[in-house]
PDB file of N, CA and C in Angstrom:
ATOM      1  N   MET A   1     149.926 283.518 263.119  1.00  0.00           N
ATOM      2  CA  MET A   1     149.859 284.356 261.968  1.00  0.00           C
ATOM      3  C   MET A   1     150.725 283.770 260.856  1.00  0.00           C
ATOM      4  N   LYS A   2     150.190 283.821 259.637  1.00  0.00           N
ATOM      5  CA  LYS A   2     150.913 283.255 258.500  1.00  0.00           C
ATOM      6  C   LYS A   2     151.705 284.350 257.798  1.00  0.00           C
ATOM      7  N   THR A   3     152.876 283.995 257.375  1.00  0.00           N
ATOM      8  CA  THR A   3     153.691 284.968 256.644  1.00  0.00           C
ATOM      9  C   THR A   3     153.500 284.763 255.147  1.00  0.00           C
ATOM     10  N   ARG A   4     153.838 285.729 254.480  1.00  0.00           N
ATOM     11  CA  ARG A   4     153.683 285.665 253.022  1.00  0.00           C
ATOM     12  C   ARG A   4     154.511 284.522 252.419  1.00  0.00           C
ATOM     13  N   ALA A   5     155.649 284.283 252.944  1.00  0.00           N
ATOM     14  CA  ALA A   5     156.511 283.246 252.412  1.00  0.00           C
ATOM     15  C   ALA A   5     155.819 281.908 252.498  1.00  0.00           C
ATOM     16  N   LYS A   6     155.080 281.656 253.580  1.00  0.00           N
ATOM     17  CA  LYS A   6     154.411 280.380 253.734  1.00  0.00           C
ATOM     18  C   LYS A   6     153.175 280.308 252.837  1.00  0.00           C
ATOM     19  N   GLN A   7     152.537 281.432 252.596  1.00  0.00           N
ATOM     20  CA  GLN A   7     151.324 281.437 251.796  1.00  0.00           C
ATOM     21  C   GLN A   7     151.608 281.269 250.306  1.00  0.00           C
ATOM     22  N   ALA A   8     152.737 281.738 249.850  1.00  0.00           N
ATOM     23  CA  ALA A   8     153.050 281.695 248.425  1.00  0.00           C
ATOM     24  C   ALA A   8     153.251 280.260 247.981  1.00  0.00           C
ATOM     25  N   LYS A   9     152.667 279.954 246.860  1.00  0.00           N
ATOM     26  CA  LYS A   9     152.831 278.611 246.319  1.00  0.00           C
ATOM     27  C   LYS A   9     154.189 278.535 245.626  1.00  0.00           C
ATOM     28  N   PRO A  10     154.815 277.417 245.759  1.00  0.00           N
ATOM     29  CA  PRO A  10     156.102 277.285 245.065  1.00  0.00           C
ATOM     30  C   PRO A  10     155.872 277.310 243.549  1.00  0.00           C
ATOM     31  N   THR A  11     156.644 278.128 242.885  1.00  0.00           N
ATOM     32  CA  THR A  11     156.498 278.236 241.420  1.00  0.00           C
ATOM     33  C   THR A  11     157.554 277.389 240.738  1.00  0.00           C
ATOM     34  N   LYS A  12     157.148 276.854 239.642  1.00  0.00           N
ATOM     35  CA  LYS A  12     158.108 276.057 238.870  1.00  0.00           C
ATOM     36  C   LYS A  12     158.921 276.997 237.987  1.00  0.00           C
ATOM     37  N   LYS A  13     160.174 276.725 237.929  1.00  0.00           N
ATOM     38  CA  LYS A  13     161.035 277.510 237.044  1.00  0.00           C
ATOM     39  C   LYS A  13     160.752 277.071 235.608  1.00  0.00           C
ATOM     40  N   PRO A  14     160.693 278.044 234.704  1.00  0.00           N
ATOM     41  CA  PRO A  14     160.459 277.637 233.313  1.00  0.00           C
ATOM     42  C   PRO A  14     161.628 276.785 232.812  1.00  0.00           C
ATOM     43  N   ALA A  15     161.299 275.746 232.128  1.00  0.00           N
ATOM     44  CA  ALA A  15     162.329 274.837 231.636  1.00  0.00           C
ATOM     45  C   ALA A  15     163.142 275.529 230.548  1.00  0.00           C
ATOM     46  N   LYS A  16     164.418 275.355 230.630  1.00  0.00           N
ATOM     47  CA  LYS A  16     165.300 275.928 229.615  1.00  0.00           C
ATOM     48  C   LYS A  16     165.123 275.144 228.324  1.00  0.00           C
ATOM     49  N   PRO A  17     165.062 275.856 227.234  1.00  0.00           N
ATOM     50  CA  PRO A  17     164.936 275.110 225.975  1.00  0.00           C
ATOM     51  C   PRO A  17     166.209 274.304 225.737  1.00  0.00           C
ATOM     52  N   LYS A  18     166.018 273.059 225.402  1.00  0.00           N
ATOM     53  CA  LYS A  18     167.165 272.192 225.174  1.00  0.00           C
ATOM     54  C   LYS A  18     167.681 272.402 223.754  1.00  0.00           C
ATOM     55  N   ALA A  19     168.970 272.268 223.633  1.00  0.00           N
ATOM     56  CA  ALA A  19     169.580 272.364 222.308  1.00  0.00           C
ATOM     57  C   ALA A  19     169.124 271.156 221.505  1.00  0.00           C
ATOM     58  N   PRO A  20     168.899 271.330 220.239  1.00  0.00           N
ATOM     59  CA  PRO A  20     168.459 270.175 219.448  1.00  0.00           C
ATOM     60  C   PRO A  20     169.511 269.079 219.502  1.00  0.00           C
ATOM     61  N   ALA A  21     169.026 267.883 219.636  1.00  0.00           N
ATOM     62  CA  ALA A  21     169.940 266.744 219.741  1.00  0.00           C
ATOM     63  C   ALA A  21     170.687 266.587 218.427  1.00  0.00           C
ATOM     64  N   MET A  22     171.964 266.391 218.535  1.00  0.00           N
ATOM     65  CA  MET A  22     172.781 266.216 217.335  1.00  0.00           C
ATOM     66  C   MET A  22     172.541 264.815 216.789  1.00  0.00           C
ATOM     67  N   LYS A  23     172.113 264.762 215.571  1.00  0.00           N
ATOM     68  CA  LYS A  23     171.892 263.480 214.937  1.00  0.00           C
ATOM     69  C   LYS A  23     173.234 262.958 214.459  1.00  0.00           C
ATOM     70  N   PRO A  24     173.456 261.696 214.638  1.00  0.00           N
ATOM     71  CA  PRO A  24     174.715 261.170 214.108  1.00  0.00           C
ATOM     72  C   PRO A  24     174.673 261.253 212.589  1.00  0.00           C
ATOM     73  N   THR A  25     175.696 261.833 212.036  1.00  0.00           N
ATOM     74  CA  THR A  25     175.732 262.005 210.586  1.00  0.00           C
ATOM     75  C   THR A  25     176.750 261.064 209.972  1.00  0.00           C
ATOM     76  N   LYS A  26     176.468 260.698 208.774  1.00  0.00           N
ATOM     77  CA  LYS A  26     177.409 259.855 208.052  1.00  0.00           C
ATOM     78  C   LYS A  26     178.522 260.749 207.536  1.00  0.00           C
ATOM     79  N   PRO A  27     179.718 260.259 207.499  1.00  0.00           N
ATOM     80  CA  PRO A  27     180.784 261.087 206.932  1.00  0.00           C
ATOM     81  C   PRO A  27     180.469 261.363 205.465  1.00  0.00           C
ATOM     82  N   LYS A  28     180.651 262.623 205.094  1.00  0.00           N
ATOM     83  CA  LYS A  28     180.356 263.011 203.717  1.00  0.00           C
ATOM     84  C   LYS A  28     181.418 262.450 202.786  1.00  0.00           C
ATOM     85  N   ALA A  29     180.952 262.046 201.643  1.00  0.00           N
ATOM     86  CA  ALA A  29     181.884 261.544 200.645  1.00  0.00           C
ATOM     87  C   ALA A  29     182.710 262.722 200.128  1.00  0.00           C
ATOM     88  N   LYS A  30     183.989 262.518 200.049  1.00  0.00           N
ATOM     89  CA  LYS A  30     184.855 263.589 199.560  1.00  0.00           C
ATOM     90  C   LYS A  30     184.645 263.754 198.067  1.00  0.00           C
ATOM     91  N   LYS A  31     184.561 265.016 197.667  1.00  0.00           N
ATOM     92  CA  LYS A  31     184.398 265.295 196.249  1.00  0.00           C
ATOM     93  C   LYS A  31     185.751 265.128 195.577  1.00  0.00           C
ATOM     94  N   ARG A  32     185.735 264.362 194.561  1.00  0.00           N
ATOM     95  CA  ARG A  32     186.976 264.166 193.817  1.00  0.00           C
ATOM     96  C   ARG A  32     187.092 265.278 192.782  1.00  0.00           C
ATOM     97  N   PRO A  33     188.249 265.906 192.721  1.00  0.00           N
ATOM     98  CA  PRO A  33     188.403 266.972 191.734  1.00  0.00           C
ATOM     99  C   PRO A  33     188.309 266.397 190.319  1.00  0.00           C
ATOM    100  N   VAL A  34     187.677 267.143 189.470  1.00  0.00           N
ATOM    101  CA  VAL A  34     187.556 266.731 188.084  1.00  0.00           C
ATOM    102  C   VAL A  34     188.915 266.926 187.429  1.00  0.00           C
ATOM    103  N   LYS A  35     189.387 265.870 186.814  1.00  0.00           N
ATOM    104  CA  LYS A  35     190.692 265.972 186.164  1.00  0.00           C
ATOM    105  C   LYS A  35     190.540 266.745 184.863  1.00  0.00           C
ATOM    106  N   ASP A  36     191.354 267.769 184.723  1.00  0.00           N
ATOM    107  CA  ASP A  36     191.339 268.541 183.489  1.00  0.00           C
ATOM    108  C   ASP A  36     192.138 267.788 182.441  1.00  0.00           C
ATOM    109  N   ASP A  37     191.710 267.923 181.245  1.00  0.00           N
ATOM    110  CA  ASP A  37     192.424 267.315 180.138  1.00  0.00           C
ATOM    111  C   ASP A  37     193.716 268.097 179.933  1.00  0.00           C
ATOM    112  N   ALA A  38     194.821 267.410 179.944  1.00  0.00           N
ATOM    113  CA  ALA A  38     196.126 268.068 179.796  1.00  0.00           C
ATOM    114  C   ALA A  38     196.290 268.686 178.415  1.00  0.00           C
ATOM    115  N   ARG A  39     195.518 268.195 177.450  1.00  0.00           N
ATOM    116  CA  ARG A  39     195.639 268.718 176.090  1.00  0.00           C
ATOM    117  C   ARG A  39     194.759 269.941 175.859  1.00  0.00           C
ATOM    118  N   LYS A  40     193.911 270.267 176.810  1.00  0.00           N
ATOM    119  CA  LYS A  40     193.011 271.414 176.668  1.00  0.00           C
ATOM    120  C   LYS A  40     193.831 272.706 176.756  1.00  0.00           C
ATOM    121  N   PRO A  41     193.591 273.658 175.864  1.00  0.00           N
ATOM    122  CA  PRO A  41     194.356 274.918 175.897  1.00  0.00           C
ATOM    123  C   PRO A  41     194.097 275.697 177.192  1.00  0.00           C
ATOM    124  N   LYS A  42     195.127 276.323 177.693  1.00  0.00           N
ATOM    125  CA  LYS A  42     195.001 277.113 178.913  1.00  0.00           C
ATOM    126  C   LYS A  42     194.598 278.543 178.557  1.00  0.00           C
ATOM    127  N   LYS A  43     193.799 279.154 179.449  1.00  0.00           N
ATOM    128  CA  LYS A  43     193.366 280.531 179.207  1.00  0.00           C
ATOM    129  C   LYS A  43     194.566 281.470 179.282  1.00  0.00           C
ATOM    130  N   PRO A  44     194.597 282.471 178.422  1.00  0.00           N
ATOM    131  CA  PRO A  44     195.723 283.413 178.446  1.00  0.00           C
ATOM    132  C   PRO A  44     195.575 284.421 179.588  1.00  0.00           C
ATOM    133  N   PRO A  45     196.679 285.023 180.004  1.00  0.00           N
ATOM    134  CA  PRO A  45     196.607 286.043 181.058  1.00  0.00           C
ATOM    135  C   PRO A  45     195.903 287.309 180.578  1.00  0.00           C
ATOM    136  N   THR A  46     195.457 288.098 181.520  1.00  0.00           N
ATOM    137  CA  THR A  46     194.807 289.372 181.198  1.00  0.00           C
ATOM    138  C   THR A  46     195.873 290.439 180.943  1.00  0.00           C
ATOM    139  N   ALA A  47     195.425 291.602 180.523  1.00  0.00           N
ATOM    140  CA  ALA A  47     196.336 292.716 180.242  1.00  0.00           C
ATOM    141  C   ALA A  47     197.133 293.090 181.496  1.00  0.00           C
ATOM    142  N   PHE A  48     196.488 293.037 182.647  1.00  0.00           N
ATOM    143  CA  PHE A  48     197.169 293.392 183.887  1.00  0.00           C
ATOM    144  C   PHE A  48     198.370 292.479 184.137  1.00  0.00           C
ATOM    145  N   PHE A  49     198.236 291.191 183.847  1.00  0.00           N
ATOM    146  CA  PHE A  49     199.346 290.275 184.099  1.00  0.00           C
ATOM    147  C   PHE A  49     200.507 290.503 183.139  1.00  0.00           C
ATOM    148  N   TYR A  50     200.202 290.934 181.922  1.00  0.00           N
ATOM    149  CA  TYR A  50     201.297 291.295 181.010  1.00  0.00           C
ATOM    150  C   TYR A  50     202.015 292.542 181.536  1.00  0.00           C
ATOM    151  N   TYR A  51     201.257 293.472 182.076  1.00  0.00           N
ATOM    152  CA  TYR A  51     201.859 294.662 182.674  1.00  0.00           C
ATOM    153  C   TYR A  51     202.688 294.266 183.900  1.00  0.00           C
ATOM    154  N   LEU A  52     202.165 293.345 184.687  1.00  0.00           N
ATOM    155  CA  LEU A  52     202.852 292.896 185.901  1.00  0.00           C
ATOM    156  C   LEU A  52     204.228 292.328 185.574  1.00  0.00           C
ATOM    157  N   GLU A  53     204.345 291.585 184.482  1.00  0.00           N
ATOM    158  CA  GLU A  53     205.644 291.038 184.070  1.00  0.00           C
ATOM    159  C   GLU A  53     206.664 292.156 183.865  1.00  0.00           C
ATOM    160  N   ASP A  54     206.260 293.186 183.114  1.00  0.00           N
ATOM    161  CA  ASP A  54     207.167 294.307 182.837  1.00  0.00           C
ATOM    162  C   ASP A  54     207.464 295.095 184.108  1.00  0.00           C
ATOM    163  N   PHE A  55     206.426 295.341 184.888  1.00  0.00           N
ATOM    164  CA  PHE A  55     206.574 296.141 186.099  1.00  0.00           C
ATOM    165  C   PHE A  55     207.505 295.460 187.102  1.00  0.00           C
ATOM    166  N   ARG A  56     207.369 294.148 187.230  1.00  0.00           N
ATOM    167  CA  ARG A  56     208.175 293.398 188.200  1.00  0.00           C
ATOM    168  C   ARG A  56     209.656 293.556 187.905  1.00  0.00           C
ATOM    169  N   LYS A  57     210.024 293.505 186.631  1.00  0.00           N
ATOM    170  CA  LYS A  57     211.442 293.645 186.256  1.00  0.00           C
ATOM    171  C   LYS A  57     211.983 295.011 186.662  1.00  0.00           C
ATOM    172  N   THR A  58     211.274 296.063 186.296  1.00  0.00           N
ATOM    173  CA  THR A  58     211.758 297.409 186.610  1.00  0.00           C
ATOM    174  C   THR A  58     211.698 297.694 188.110  1.00  0.00           C
ATOM    175  N   PHE A  59     210.666 297.201 188.777  1.00  0.00           N
ATOM    176  CA  PHE A  59     210.520 297.448 190.211  1.00  0.00           C
ATOM    177  C   PHE A  59     211.656 296.790 190.994  1.00  0.00           C
ATOM    178  N   GLN A  60     212.036 295.583 190.596  1.00  0.00           N
ATOM    179  CA  GLN A  60     213.116 294.890 191.309  1.00  0.00           C
ATOM    180  C   GLN A  60     214.465 295.545 191.049  1.00  0.00           C
ATOM    181  N   GLN A  61     214.643 296.147 189.892  1.00  0.00           N
ATOM    182  CA  GLN A  61     215.888 296.864 189.633  1.00  0.00           C
ATOM    183  C   GLN A  61     215.954 298.134 190.477  1.00  0.00           C
ATOM    184  N   GLU A  62     214.825 298.825 190.609  1.00  0.00           N
ATOM    185  CA  GLU A  62     214.787 300.066 191.389  1.00  0.00           C
ATOM    186  C   GLU A  62     214.784 299.797 192.896  1.00  0.00           C
ATOM    187  N   ASN A  63     214.207 298.682 193.322  1.00  0.00           N
ATOM    188  CA  ASN A  63     214.089 298.344 194.748  1.00  0.00           C
ATOM    189  C   ASN A  63     214.611 296.931 194.985  1.00  0.00           C
ATOM    190  N   PRO A  64     215.938 296.743 194.986  1.00  0.00           N
ATOM    191  CA  PRO A  64     216.475 295.387 195.131  1.00  0.00           C
ATOM    192  C   PRO A  64     216.194 294.760 196.500  1.00  0.00           C
ATOM    193  N   GLY A  65     215.893 295.564 197.506  1.00  0.00           N
ATOM    194  CA  GLY A  65     215.638 295.033 198.844  1.00  0.00           C
ATOM    195  C   GLY A  65     214.255 294.429 199.008  1.00  0.00           C
ATOM    196  N   VAL A  66     213.341 294.763 198.126  1.00  0.00           N
ATOM    197  CA  VAL A  66     211.963 294.262 198.238  1.00  0.00           C
ATOM    198  C   VAL A  66     211.866 292.938 197.498  1.00  0.00           C
ATOM    199  N   LYS A  67     211.625 291.875 198.252  1.00  0.00           N
ATOM    200  CA  LYS A  67     211.509 290.541 197.656  1.00  0.00           C
ATOM    201  C   LYS A  67     210.077 290.011 197.740  1.00  0.00           C
ATOM    202  N   SER A  68     209.242 290.618 198.557  1.00  0.00           N
ATOM    203  CA  SER A  68     207.889 290.128 198.791  1.00  0.00           C
ATOM    204  C   SER A  68     207.005 290.361 197.570  1.00  0.00           C
ATOM    205  N   MET A  69     206.401 289.293 197.080  1.00  0.00           N
ATOM    206  CA  MET A  69     205.501 289.412 195.934  1.00  0.00           C
ATOM    207  C   MET A  69     204.293 290.258 196.311  1.00  0.00           C
ATOM    208  N   ARG A  70     203.918 290.228 197.570  1.00  0.00           N
ATOM    209  CA  ARG A  70     202.782 291.023 198.050  1.00  0.00           C
ATOM    210  C   ARG A  70     203.044 292.516 197.855  1.00  0.00           C
ATOM    211  N   ASP A  71     204.236 292.949 198.238  1.00  0.00           N
ATOM    212  CA  ASP A  71     204.586 294.366 198.102  1.00  0.00           C
ATOM    213  C   ASP A  71     204.690 294.775 196.634  1.00  0.00           C
ATOM    214  N   ILE A  72     205.263 293.894 195.829  1.00  0.00           N
ATOM    215  CA  ILE A  72     205.388 294.179 194.400  1.00  0.00           C
ATOM    216  C   ILE A  72     203.992 294.268 193.779  1.00  0.00           C
ATOM    217  N   GLY A  73     203.121 293.339 194.134  1.00  0.00           N
ATOM    218  CA  GLY A  73     201.758 293.332 193.606  1.00  0.00           C
ATOM    219  C   GLY A  73     200.974 294.566 194.000  1.00  0.00           C
ATOM    220  N   LYS A  74     201.157 295.001 195.257  1.00  0.00           N
ATOM    221  CA  LYS A  74     200.466 296.214 195.719  1.00  0.00           C
ATOM    222  C   LYS A  74     200.918 297.433 194.919  1.00  0.00           C
ATOM    223  N   ALA A  75     202.233 297.572 194.773  1.00  0.00           N
ATOM    224  CA  ALA A  75     202.775 298.712 194.037  1.00  0.00           C
ATOM    225  C   ALA A  75     202.312 298.680 192.580  1.00  0.00           C
ATOM    226  N   CYS A  76     202.290 297.498 191.999  1.00  0.00           N
ATOM    227  CA  CYS A  76     201.864 297.346 190.611  1.00  0.00           C
ATOM    228  C   CYS A  76     200.385 297.710 190.460  1.00  0.00           C
ATOM    229  N   GLY A  77     199.553 297.249 191.371  1.00  0.00           N
ATOM    230  CA  GLY A  77     198.126 297.544 191.315  1.00  0.00           C
ATOM    231  C   GLY A  77     197.841 299.032 191.427  1.00  0.00           C
ATOM    232  N   GLU A  78     198.565 299.695 192.322  1.00  0.00           N
ATOM    233  CA  GLU A  78     198.383 301.141 192.489  1.00  0.00           C
ATOM    234  C   GLU A  78     198.797 301.885 191.211  1.00  0.00           C
ATOM    235  N   LYS A  79     199.902 301.462 190.626  1.00  0.00           N
ATOM    236  CA  LYS A  79     200.388 302.106 189.395  1.00  0.00           C
ATOM    237  C   LYS A  79     199.402 301.863 188.247  1.00  0.00           C
ATOM    238  N   TRP A  80     198.888 300.628 188.139  1.00  0.00           N
ATOM    239  CA  TRP A  80     197.937 300.277 187.082  1.00  0.00           C
ATOM    240  C   TRP A  80     196.678 301.145 187.162  1.00  0.00           C
ATOM    241  N   LYS A  81     196.220 301.407 188.381  1.00  0.00           N
ATOM    242  CA  LYS A  81     195.014 302.219 188.565  1.00  0.00           C
ATOM    243  C   LYS A  81     195.227 303.658 188.111  1.00  0.00           C
ATOM    244  N   THR A  82     196.441 304.158 188.265  1.00  0.00           N
ATOM    245  CA  THR A  82     196.708 305.558 187.914  1.00  0.00           C
ATOM    246  C   THR A  82     197.083 305.746 186.446  1.00  0.00           C
ATOM    247  N   MET A  83     197.357 304.644 185.742  1.00  0.00           N
ATOM    248  CA  MET A  83     197.760 304.746 184.332  1.00  0.00           C
ATOM    249  C   MET A  83     196.581 305.166 183.460  1.00  0.00           C
ATOM    250  N   SER A  84     196.874 305.898 182.402  1.00  0.00           N
ATOM    251  CA  SER A  84     195.837 306.289 181.454  1.00  0.00           C
ATOM    252  C   SER A  84     195.590 305.122 180.489  1.00  0.00           C
ATOM    253  N   PHE A  85     194.501 305.202 179.762  1.00  0.00           N
ATOM    254  CA  PHE A  85     194.162 304.145 178.808  1.00  0.00           C
ATOM    255  C   PHE A  85     195.232 304.023 177.726  1.00  0.00           C
ATOM    256  N   GLU A  86     195.790 305.155 177.308  1.00  0.00           N
ATOM    257  CA  GLU A  86     196.813 305.142 176.266  1.00  0.00           C
ATOM    258  C   GLU A  86     198.043 304.342 176.706  1.00  0.00           C
ATOM    259  N   GLU A  87     198.376 304.423 178.000  1.00  0.00           N
ATOM    260  CA  GLU A  87     199.520 303.667 178.514  1.00  0.00           C
ATOM    261  C   GLU A  87     199.205 302.171 178.592  1.00  0.00           C
ATOM    262  N   LYS A  88     197.939 301.848 178.800  1.00  0.00           N
ATOM    263  CA  LYS A  88     197.537 300.450 178.947  1.00  0.00           C
ATOM    264  C   LYS A  88     197.285 299.747 177.617  1.00  0.00           C
ATOM    265  N   VAL A  89     197.137 300.512 176.545  1.00  0.00           N
ATOM    266  CA  VAL A  89     196.740 299.954 175.248  1.00  0.00           C
ATOM    267  C   VAL A  89     197.655 298.821 174.796  1.00  0.00           C
ATOM    268  N   GLN A  90     198.968 298.986 174.950  1.00  0.00           N
ATOM    269  CA  GLN A  90     199.889 297.945 174.488  1.00  0.00           C
ATOM    270  C   GLN A  90     199.629 296.615 175.185  1.00  0.00           C
ATOM    271  N   TYR A  91     199.262 296.661 176.468  1.00  0.00           N
ATOM    272  CA  TYR A  91     198.990 295.433 177.216  1.00  0.00           C
ATOM    273  C   TYR A  91     197.635 294.839 176.822  1.00  0.00           C
ATOM    274  N   TYR A  92     196.654 295.713 176.555  1.00  0.00           N
ATOM    275  CA  TYR A  92     195.355 295.234 176.088  1.00  0.00           C
ATOM    276  C   TYR A  92     195.480 294.587 174.712  1.00  0.00           C
ATOM    277  N   ASP A  93     196.320 295.168 173.851  1.00  0.00           N
ATOM    278  CA  ASP A  93     196.526 294.599 172.521  1.00  0.00           C
ATOM    279  C   ASP A  93     197.144 293.204 172.611  1.00  0.00           C
ATOM    280  N   LYS A  94     198.154 293.081 173.461  1.00  0.00           N
ATOM    281  CA  LYS A  94     198.814 291.786 173.631  1.00  0.00           C
ATOM    282  C   LYS A  94     197.823 290.754 174.178  1.00  0.00           C
ATOM    283  N   ALA A  95     197.007 291.152 175.150  1.00  0.00           N
ATOM    284  CA  ALA A  95     196.027 290.243 175.751  1.00  0.00           C
ATOM    285  C   ALA A  95     194.966 289.840 174.731  1.00  0.00           C
ATOM    286  N   THR A  96     194.530 290.783 173.907  1.00  0.00           N
ATOM    287  CA  THR A  96     193.520 290.493 172.892  1.00  0.00           C
ATOM    288  C   THR A  96     194.070 289.517 171.855  1.00  0.00           C
ATOM    289  N   GLU A  97     195.320 289.715 171.486  1.00  0.00           N
ATOM    290  CA  GLU A  97     195.973 288.835 170.516  1.00  0.00           C
ATOM    291  C   GLU A  97     196.063 287.409 171.065  1.00  0.00           C
ATOM    292  N   LYS A  98     196.493 287.297 172.308  1.00  0.00           N
ATOM    293  CA  LYS A  98     196.616 285.972 172.937  1.00  0.00           C
ATOM    294  C   LYS A  98     195.248 285.324 173.126  1.00  0.00           C
ATOM    295  N   ARG A  99     194.236 286.134 173.404  1.00  0.00           N
ATOM    296  CA  ARG A  99     192.876 285.617 173.583  1.00  0.00           C
ATOM    297  C   ARG A  99     192.347 285.042 172.270  1.00  0.00           C
ATOM    298  N   ALA A 100     192.644 285.725 171.150  1.00  0.00           N
ATOM    299  CA  ALA A 100     192.217 285.232 169.840  1.00  0.00           C
ATOM    300  C   ALA A 100     192.885 283.888 169.535  1.00  0.00           C
ATOM    301  N   GLU A 101     194.179 283.776 169.840  1.00  0.00           N
ATOM    302  CA  GLU A 101     194.904 282.517 169.640  1.00  0.00           C
ATOM    303  C   GLU A 101     194.280 281.409 170.491  1.00  0.00           C
ATOM    304  N   PHE A 102     193.937 281.743 171.723  1.00  0.00           N
ATOM    305  CA  PHE A 102     193.323 280.769 172.632  1.00  0.00           C
ATOM    306  C   PHE A 102     191.986 280.291 172.078  1.00  0.00           C
ATOM    307  N   GLU A 103     191.176 281.213 171.589  1.00  0.00           N
ATOM    308  CA  GLU A 103     189.855 280.835 171.082  1.00  0.00           C
ATOM    309  C   GLU A 103     189.965 279.944 169.844  1.00  0.00           C
ATOM    310  N   LYS A 104     190.954 280.191 168.989  1.00  0.00           N
ATOM    311  CA  LYS A 104     191.182 279.321 167.837  1.00  0.00           C
ATOM    312  C   LYS A 104     191.586 277.923 168.307  1.00  0.00           C
ATOM    313  N   ALA A 105     192.518 277.880 169.247  1.00  0.00           N
ATOM    314  CA  ALA A 105     192.987 276.597 169.762  1.00  0.00           C
ATOM    315  C   ALA A 105     191.854 275.851 170.478  1.00  0.00           C
ATOM    316  N   MET A 106     190.999 276.585 171.177  1.00  0.00           N
ATOM    317  CA  MET A 106     189.885 275.970 171.890  1.00  0.00           C
ATOM    318  C   MET A 106     188.861 275.406 170.905  1.00  0.00           C
ATOM    319  N   ALA A 107     188.596 276.131 169.824  1.00  0.00           N
ATOM    320  CA  ALA A 107     187.657 275.647 168.806  1.00  0.00           C
ATOM    321  C   ALA A 107     188.184 274.361 168.171  1.00  0.00           C
ATOM    322  N   GLU A 108     189.490 274.352 167.891  1.00  0.00           N
ATOM    323  CA  GLU A 108     190.110 273.160 167.319  1.00  0.00           C
ATOM    324  C   GLU A 108     190.042 271.990 168.298  1.00  0.00           C
ATOM    325  N   TYR A 109     190.288 272.261 169.548  1.00  0.00           N
ATOM    326  CA  TYR A 109     190.232 271.235 170.589  1.00  0.00           C
ATOM    327  C   TYR A 109     188.818 270.650 170.689  1.00  0.00           C
ATOM    328  N   MET A 110     187.797 271.526 170.668  1.00  0.00           N
ATOM    329  CA  MET A 110     186.413 271.066 170.783  1.00  0.00           C
ATOM    330  C   MET A 110     186.016 270.218 169.571  1.00  0.00           C
ATOM    331  N   LYS A 111     186.488 270.591 168.372  1.00  0.00           N
ATOM    332  CA  LYS A 111     186.196 269.800 167.177  1.00  0.00           C
ATOM    333  C   LYS A 111     186.770 268.400 167.324  1.00  0.00           C
ATOM    334  N   LYS A 112     188.024 268.336 167.765  1.00  0.00           N
ATOM    335  CA  LYS A 112     188.672 267.041 167.931  1.00  0.00           C
ATOM    336  C   LYS A 112     187.965 266.207 169.007  1.00  0.00           C
ATOM    337  N   LYS A 113     187.549 266.863 170.055  1.00  0.00           N
ATOM    338  CA  LYS A 113     186.884 266.137 171.146  1.00  0.00           C
ATOM    339  C   LYS A 113     185.536 265.587 170.687  1.00  0.00           C
ATOM    340  N   GLU A 114     184.780 266.393 169.950  1.00  0.00           N
ATOM    341  CA  GLU A 114     183.466 265.956 169.462  1.00  0.00           C
ATOM    342  C   GLU A 114     183.581 264.852 168.412  1.00  0.00           C
ATOM    343  N   SER A 115     184.610 264.938 167.584  1.00  0.00           N
ATOM    344  CA  SER A 115     184.773 263.931 166.538  1.00  0.00           C
ATOM    345  C   SER A 115     185.343 262.628 167.086  1.00  0.00           C
ATOM    346  N   GLY A 116     185.829 262.658 168.314  1.00  0.00           N
ATOM    347  CA  GLY A 116     186.354 261.445 168.922  1.00  0.00           C
ATOM    348  C   GLY A 116     187.833 261.245 168.693  1.00  0.00           C
ATOM    349  N   GLU A 117     188.497 262.213 168.115  1.00  0.00           N
ATOM    350  CA  GLU A 117     189.947 262.087 167.903  1.00  0.00           C
ATOM    351  C   GLU A 117     190.685 262.069 169.233  1.00  0.00           C
ATOM    352  N   LEU A 118     190.142 262.777 170.217  1.00  0.00           N
ATOM    353  CA  LEU A 118     190.750 262.775 171.541  1.00  0.00           C
ATOM    354  C   LEU A 118     190.061 261.700 172.367  1.00  0.00           C
ATOM    355  N   SER A 119     190.822 260.763 172.857  1.00  0.00           N
ATOM    356  CA  SER A 119     190.220 259.724 173.695  1.00  0.00           C
ATOM    357  C   SER A 119     189.840 260.326 175.038  1.00  0.00           C
ATOM    358  N   GLU A 120     188.890 259.700 175.719  1.00  0.00           N
ATOM    359  CA  GLU A 120     188.411 260.223 177.001  1.00  0.00           C
ATOM    360  C   GLU A 120     189.495 260.190 178.065  1.00  0.00           C
ATOM    361  N   GLU A 121     190.333 259.160 178.043  1.00  0.00           N
ATOM    362  CA  GLU A 121     191.385 259.038 179.045  1.00  0.00           C
ATOM    363  C   GLU A 121     192.706 259.474 178.428  1.00  0.00           C
ATOM    364  N   PRO A 122     193.492 260.239 179.180  1.00  0.00           N
ATOM    365  CA  PRO A 122     194.788 260.659 178.646  1.00  0.00           C
ATOM    366  C   PRO A 122     195.727 259.464 178.528  1.00  0.00           C
ATOM    367  N   ASP A 123     196.714 259.592 177.666  1.00  0.00           N
ATOM    368  CA  ASP A 123     197.660 258.517 177.418  1.00  0.00           C
ATOM    369  C   ASP A 123     198.771 258.444 178.459  1.00  0.00           C
ATOM    370  N   ASP A 124     198.662 259.223 179.538  1.00  0.00           N
ATOM    371  CA  ASP A 124     199.714 259.243 180.558  1.00  0.00           C
ATOM    372  C   ASP A 124     199.754 257.918 181.287  1.00  0.00           C
ATOM    373  N   GLU A 125     200.926 257.303 181.358  1.00  0.00           N
ATOM    374  CA  GLU A 125     201.084 256.030 182.048  1.00  0.00           C
ATOM    375  C   GLU A 125     201.307 256.238 183.534  1.00  0.00           C
ATOM    376  N   TYR A 126     201.663 257.433 183.938  1.00  0.00           N
ATOM    377  CA  TYR A 126     202.102 257.672 185.307  1.00  0.00           C
ATOM    378  C   TYR A 126     200.995 258.133 186.228  1.00  0.00           C
ATOM    379  N   GLU A 127     199.765 258.173 185.813  1.00  0.00           N
ATOM    380  CA  GLU A 127     198.684 258.653 186.662  1.00  0.00           C
ATOM    381  C   GLU A 127     198.183 257.573 187.565  1.00  0.00           C
TER     382      GLU A 127
END
């Protein structure tokens, strides 16, 4: 008498899908940072950063034990969110004034750059 085990045909196990073969890759060329022109005007800070300057002074006087910039920044951010627009106006005015100065300086810089007064390479000998 034949048993079922003998009658059953051996089944092939399904082949496991192979991971795609890793192709050897060439090392990527490192991107060189674009050198900023040292003569280009820098963007002015926002109103919040002008507030942060004032807040940091008073906060450190009130809390001399707190030295962490993280804690000072958190406290400043929370206070800034709760301030009314009238309290923030002085900082917005200062930021707007500095932004206008920046835009004038940037326009002058662009004129000089387009006219060729500014050479492409900076005059720094130490680079």
